[in-house]
Amino acid sequence: NKSGADVMTGEPCPEDIAFLVEVSYSTLDYDLTTKAGVYARAGIAQYFVIDVTGRVVYDHRLTASGTYARTTHVPGDPLTLVCAPHLPLAVD
């Protein structure tokens, strides 16, 4: 819904990213550790890691201290986006 003048022409900045999703099949440890540090330093407010093999979603939310608090969701659990709390999501 951006006007033509507001459309990005370069790389996104952290403030351009509402939330991030990593789909992890073979890189789970890397997605949960290394990328968490990178995203936290960049100020990404929320990111999900979808563990395809384990059938869980890890929800990372940036805290005031600049680190992530992580919760684990299994099928049937609701998910809430920080940027859109009114949008219903569920793990399936």
N, C-alpha and C. Protein backbone atom coordinates (compact mmCIF):
# COMPACT_ATOMS: atom_id res chain seq x y z
N ASN A 1 0.81 -1.20 0.00
CA ASN A 1 0.00 0.00 0.00
C ASN A 1 0.85 1.26 0.00
N LYS A 2 2.07 1.16 -0.42
CA LYS A 2 2.95 2.33 -0.48
C LYS A 2 2.78 3.02 -1.82
N SER A 3 2.93 4.32 -1.81
CA SER A 3 2.91 5.04 -3.07
C SER A 3 4.21 4.75 -3.81
N GLY A 4 4.24 5.08 -5.08
CA GLY A 4 5.44 4.84 -5.88
C GLY A 4 6.68 5.49 -5.30
N ALA A 5 6.52 6.64 -4.68
CA ALA A 5 7.66 7.36 -4.10
C ALA A 5 8.18 6.66 -2.85
N ASP A 6 7.36 5.82 -2.20
CA ASP A 6 7.74 5.17 -0.95
C ASP A 6 8.27 3.75 -1.14
N VAL A 7 8.26 3.24 -2.34
CA VAL A 7 8.71 1.88 -2.59
C VAL A 7 10.23 1.82 -2.48
N MET A 8 10.71 0.78 -1.78
CA MET A 8 12.16 0.61 -1.61
C MET A 8 12.83 0.32 -2.94
N THR A 9 14.02 0.81 -3.08
CA THR A 9 14.81 0.49 -4.26
C THR A 9 16.13 -0.17 -3.88
N GLY A 10 16.42 -0.27 -2.58
CA GLY A 10 17.66 -0.87 -2.12
C GLY A 10 17.39 -2.01 -1.16
N GLU A 11 18.39 -2.36 -0.39
CA GLU A 11 18.26 -3.41 0.60
C GLU A 11 17.35 -2.95 1.74
N PRO A 12 16.58 -3.88 2.33
CA PRO A 12 15.71 -3.48 3.45
C PRO A 12 16.53 -3.16 4.70
N CYS A 13 16.02 -2.26 5.50
CA CYS A 13 16.59 -1.91 6.79
C CYS A 13 15.76 -2.63 7.86
N PRO A 14 16.30 -2.80 9.07
CA PRO A 14 15.52 -3.47 10.12
C PRO A 14 14.13 -2.86 10.32
N GLU A 15 14.02 -1.55 10.21
CA GLU A 15 12.71 -0.93 10.42
C GLU A 15 11.72 -1.24 9.28
N ASP A 16 12.22 -1.77 8.17
CA ASP A 16 11.36 -2.18 7.07
C ASP A 16 10.78 -3.58 7.28
N ILE A 17 11.30 -4.31 8.25
CA ILE A 17 10.93 -5.72 8.46
C ILE A 17 9.97 -5.83 9.63
N ALA A 18 8.74 -6.22 9.35
CA ALA A 18 7.73 -6.37 10.40
C ALA A 18 7.99 -7.62 11.23
N PHE A 19 8.32 -8.71 10.58
CA PHE A 19 8.75 -9.94 11.23
C PHE A 19 9.46 -10.80 10.20
N LEU A 20 10.20 -11.77 10.69
CA LEU A 20 11.00 -12.62 9.81
C LEU A 20 10.63 -14.07 10.06
N VAL A 21 10.68 -14.89 9.03
CA VAL A 21 10.40 -16.33 9.17
C VAL A 21 11.55 -17.11 8.55
N GLU A 22 12.12 -18.02 9.33
CA GLU A 22 13.11 -18.97 8.83
C GLU A 22 12.45 -20.33 8.79
N VAL A 23 12.51 -21.00 7.65
CA VAL A 23 12.02 -22.37 7.53
C VAL A 23 13.24 -23.27 7.58
N SER A 24 13.31 -24.07 8.64
CA SER A 24 14.52 -24.82 8.92
C SER A 24 14.30 -26.32 8.75
N TYR A 25 15.06 -26.88 7.84
CA TYR A 25 15.03 -28.32 7.65
C TYR A 25 16.35 -28.94 8.12
N SER A 26 17.45 -28.34 7.71
CA SER A 26 18.76 -28.90 8.07
C SER A 26 19.66 -27.90 8.79
N THR A 27 19.17 -26.71 9.07
CA THR A 27 20.01 -25.66 9.68
C THR A 27 19.43 -25.15 11.00
N LEU A 28 18.74 -26.01 11.72
CA LEU A 28 18.02 -25.56 12.93
C LEU A 28 18.94 -24.89 13.95
N ASP A 29 20.04 -25.53 14.29
CA ASP A 29 20.94 -24.94 15.29
C ASP A 29 21.44 -23.57 14.85
N TYR A 30 21.82 -23.44 13.60
CA TYR A 30 22.30 -22.17 13.06
C TYR A 30 21.19 -21.11 13.11
N ASP A 31 19.97 -21.49 12.74
CA ASP A 31 18.85 -20.55 12.74
C ASP A 31 18.47 -20.10 14.15
N LEU A 32 18.65 -20.98 15.14
CA LEU A 32 18.28 -20.65 16.52
C LEU A 32 19.38 -19.91 17.28
N THR A 33 20.61 -20.00 16.84
CA THR A 33 21.71 -19.38 17.59
C THR A 33 22.37 -18.24 16.82
N THR A 34 23.07 -18.57 15.76
CA THR A 34 23.81 -17.56 15.01
C THR A 34 22.88 -16.48 14.47
N LYS A 35 21.81 -16.88 13.84
CA LYS A 35 20.89 -15.89 13.27
C LYS A 35 20.20 -15.08 14.35
N ALA A 36 19.96 -15.68 15.51
CA ALA A 36 19.35 -14.93 16.61
C ALA A 36 20.23 -13.74 16.99
N GLY A 37 21.53 -13.95 17.07
CA GLY A 37 22.44 -12.86 17.39
C GLY A 37 22.46 -11.79 16.33
N VAL A 38 22.48 -12.21 15.08
CA VAL A 38 22.48 -11.25 13.96
C VAL A 38 21.20 -10.42 13.97
N TYR A 39 20.07 -11.09 14.10
CA TYR A 39 18.78 -10.38 14.06
C TYR A 39 18.61 -9.48 15.29
N ALA A 40 19.06 -9.92 16.45
CA ALA A 40 18.95 -9.10 17.65
C ALA A 40 19.78 -7.83 17.51
N ARG A 41 21.01 -7.97 17.02
CA ARG A 41 21.87 -6.79 16.82
C ARG A 41 21.26 -5.83 15.80
N ALA A 42 20.52 -6.36 14.84
CA ALA A 42 19.88 -5.52 13.82
C ALA A 42 18.59 -4.90 14.33
N GLY A 43 18.09 -5.38 15.48
CA GLY A 43 16.87 -4.81 16.05
C GLY A 43 15.58 -5.38 15.47
N ILE A 44 15.63 -6.59 14.90
CA ILE A 44 14.42 -7.23 14.38
C ILE A 44 13.54 -7.61 15.56
N ALA A 45 12.32 -7.06 15.62
CA ALA A 45 11.46 -7.22 16.79
C ALA A 45 10.98 -8.65 17.01
N GLN A 46 10.78 -9.40 15.94
CA GLN A 46 10.25 -10.76 16.08
C GLN A 46 10.69 -11.61 14.91
N TYR A 47 11.07 -12.84 15.21
CA TYR A 47 11.29 -13.79 14.12
C TYR A 47 10.88 -15.19 14.55
N PHE A 48 10.35 -15.93 13.58
CA PHE A 48 9.94 -17.31 13.80
C PHE A 48 10.95 -18.23 13.13
N VAL A 49 11.20 -19.36 13.78
CA VAL A 49 11.92 -20.45 13.13
C VAL A 49 10.95 -21.62 13.08
N ILE A 50 10.64 -22.05 11.87
CA ILE A 50 9.76 -23.21 11.68
C ILE A 50 10.65 -24.43 11.53
N ASP A 51 10.56 -25.32 12.52
CA ASP A 51 11.32 -26.57 12.51
C ASP A 51 10.46 -27.61 11.78
N VAL A 52 10.78 -27.84 10.52
CA VAL A 52 10.00 -28.73 9.68
C VAL A 52 10.00 -30.15 10.24
N THR A 53 11.17 -30.63 10.63
CA THR A 53 11.29 -32.00 11.14
C THR A 53 10.60 -32.18 12.48
N GLY A 54 10.80 -31.23 13.38
CA GLY A 54 10.22 -31.33 14.72
C GLY A 54 8.78 -30.87 14.82
N ARG A 55 8.27 -30.26 13.74
CA ARG A 55 6.90 -29.77 13.70
C ARG A 55 6.59 -28.78 14.84
N VAL A 56 7.52 -27.86 15.07
CA VAL A 56 7.32 -26.81 16.06
C VAL A 56 7.72 -25.47 15.44
N VAL A 57 7.23 -24.40 16.05
CA VAL A 57 7.60 -23.05 15.67
C VAL A 57 8.21 -22.38 16.89
N TYR A 58 9.39 -21.82 16.71
CA TYR A 58 10.06 -21.07 17.78
C TYR A 58 9.80 -19.59 17.51
N ASP A 59 9.21 -18.93 18.49
CA ASP A 59 8.86 -17.51 18.39
C ASP A 59 9.88 -16.72 19.20
N HIS A 60 10.63 -15.87 18.54
CA HIS A 60 11.65 -15.03 19.18
C HIS A 60 11.15 -13.59 19.22
N ARG A 61 11.13 -13.01 20.42
CA ARG A 61 10.71 -11.62 20.58
C ARG A 61 11.82 -10.84 21.26
N LEU A 62 12.16 -9.72 20.66
CA LEU A 62 13.24 -8.89 21.17
C LEU A 62 12.83 -8.25 22.49
N THR A 63 13.68 -8.37 23.48
CA THR A 63 13.41 -7.79 24.80
C THR A 63 14.09 -6.42 24.92
N ALA A 64 13.79 -5.72 25.99
CA ALA A 64 14.38 -4.40 26.23
C ALA A 64 15.90 -4.48 26.38
N SER A 65 16.41 -5.65 26.78
CA SER A 65 17.86 -5.81 26.95
C SER A 65 18.57 -6.11 25.63
N GLY A 66 17.80 -6.25 24.54
CA GLY A 66 18.41 -6.48 23.23
C GLY A 66 18.66 -7.93 22.90
N THR A 67 18.11 -8.84 23.70
CA THR A 67 18.21 -10.27 23.41
C THR A 67 16.80 -10.80 23.14
N TYR A 68 16.73 -12.04 22.67
CA TYR A 68 15.42 -12.62 22.38
C TYR A 68 14.91 -13.48 23.52
N ALA A 69 13.62 -13.38 23.78
CA ALA A 69 12.90 -14.34 24.60
C ALA A 69 12.27 -15.31 23.61
N ARG A 70 12.45 -16.61 23.83
CA ARG A 70 11.97 -17.60 22.88
C ARG A 70 10.89 -18.47 23.51
N THR A 71 9.80 -18.65 22.78
CA THR A 71 8.76 -19.59 23.18
C THR A 71 8.59 -20.61 22.07
N THR A 72 8.17 -21.80 22.45
CA THR A 72 7.98 -22.90 21.51
C THR A 72 6.50 -23.18 21.35
N HIS A 73 6.06 -23.33 20.10
CA HIS A 73 4.65 -23.60 19.80
C HIS A 73 4.54 -24.89 19.01
N VAL A 74 3.55 -25.70 19.36
CA VAL A 74 3.29 -26.97 18.70
C VAL A 74 1.97 -26.87 17.94
N PRO A 75 1.68 -27.86 17.06
CA PRO A 75 0.42 -27.80 16.31
C PRO A 75 -0.79 -27.58 17.22
N GLY A 76 -1.63 -26.65 16.80
CA GLY A 76 -2.81 -26.27 17.56
C GLY A 76 -2.61 -25.01 18.38
N ASP A 77 -1.36 -24.63 18.64
CA ASP A 77 -1.09 -23.42 19.42
C ASP A 77 -1.34 -22.17 18.57
N PRO A 78 -1.84 -21.12 19.21
CA PRO A 78 -1.96 -19.84 18.49
C PRO A 78 -0.61 -19.14 18.43
N LEU A 79 -0.42 -18.34 17.39
CA LEU A 79 0.76 -17.48 17.26
C LEU A 79 0.28 -16.04 17.16
N THR A 80 1.04 -15.14 17.75
CA THR A 80 0.69 -13.72 17.69
C THR A 80 1.86 -12.95 17.10
N LEU A 81 1.55 -12.14 16.11
CA LEU A 81 2.56 -11.26 15.53
C LEU A 81 2.61 -9.98 16.33
N VAL A 82 3.79 -9.54 16.72
CA VAL A 82 3.95 -8.28 17.44
C VAL A 82 3.40 -7.13 16.60
N CYS A 83 3.65 -7.20 15.29
CA CYS A 83 3.25 -6.11 14.40
C CYS A 83 1.76 -6.14 14.04
N ALA A 84 1.08 -7.26 14.29
CA ALA A 84 -0.35 -7.38 13.95
C ALA A 84 -1.03 -8.34 14.92
N PRO A 85 -1.17 -7.95 16.18
CA PRO A 85 -1.71 -8.87 17.19
C PRO A 85 -3.15 -9.30 16.92
N HIS A 86 -3.87 -8.55 16.10
CA HIS A 86 -5.26 -8.86 15.80
C HIS A 86 -5.38 -9.94 14.71
N LEU A 87 -4.28 -10.32 14.07
CA LEU A 87 -4.30 -11.30 12.99
C LEU A 87 -4.15 -12.70 13.57
N PRO A 88 -5.20 -13.54 13.47
CA PRO A 88 -5.10 -14.88 14.07
C PRO A 88 -4.23 -15.81 13.24
N LEU A 89 -3.26 -16.44 13.89
CA LEU A 89 -2.39 -17.44 13.28
C LEU A 89 -2.36 -18.66 14.19
N ALA A 90 -2.11 -19.81 13.60
CA ALA A 90 -1.98 -21.03 14.40
C ALA A 90 -0.93 -21.93 13.78
N VAL A 91 -0.32 -22.75 14.62
CA VAL A 91 0.63 -23.73 14.13
C VAL A 91 -0.17 -24.92 13.64
N ASP A 92 0.08 -25.35 12.42
CA ASP A 92 -0.61 -26.53 11.86
C ASP A 92 0.37 -27.47 11.23
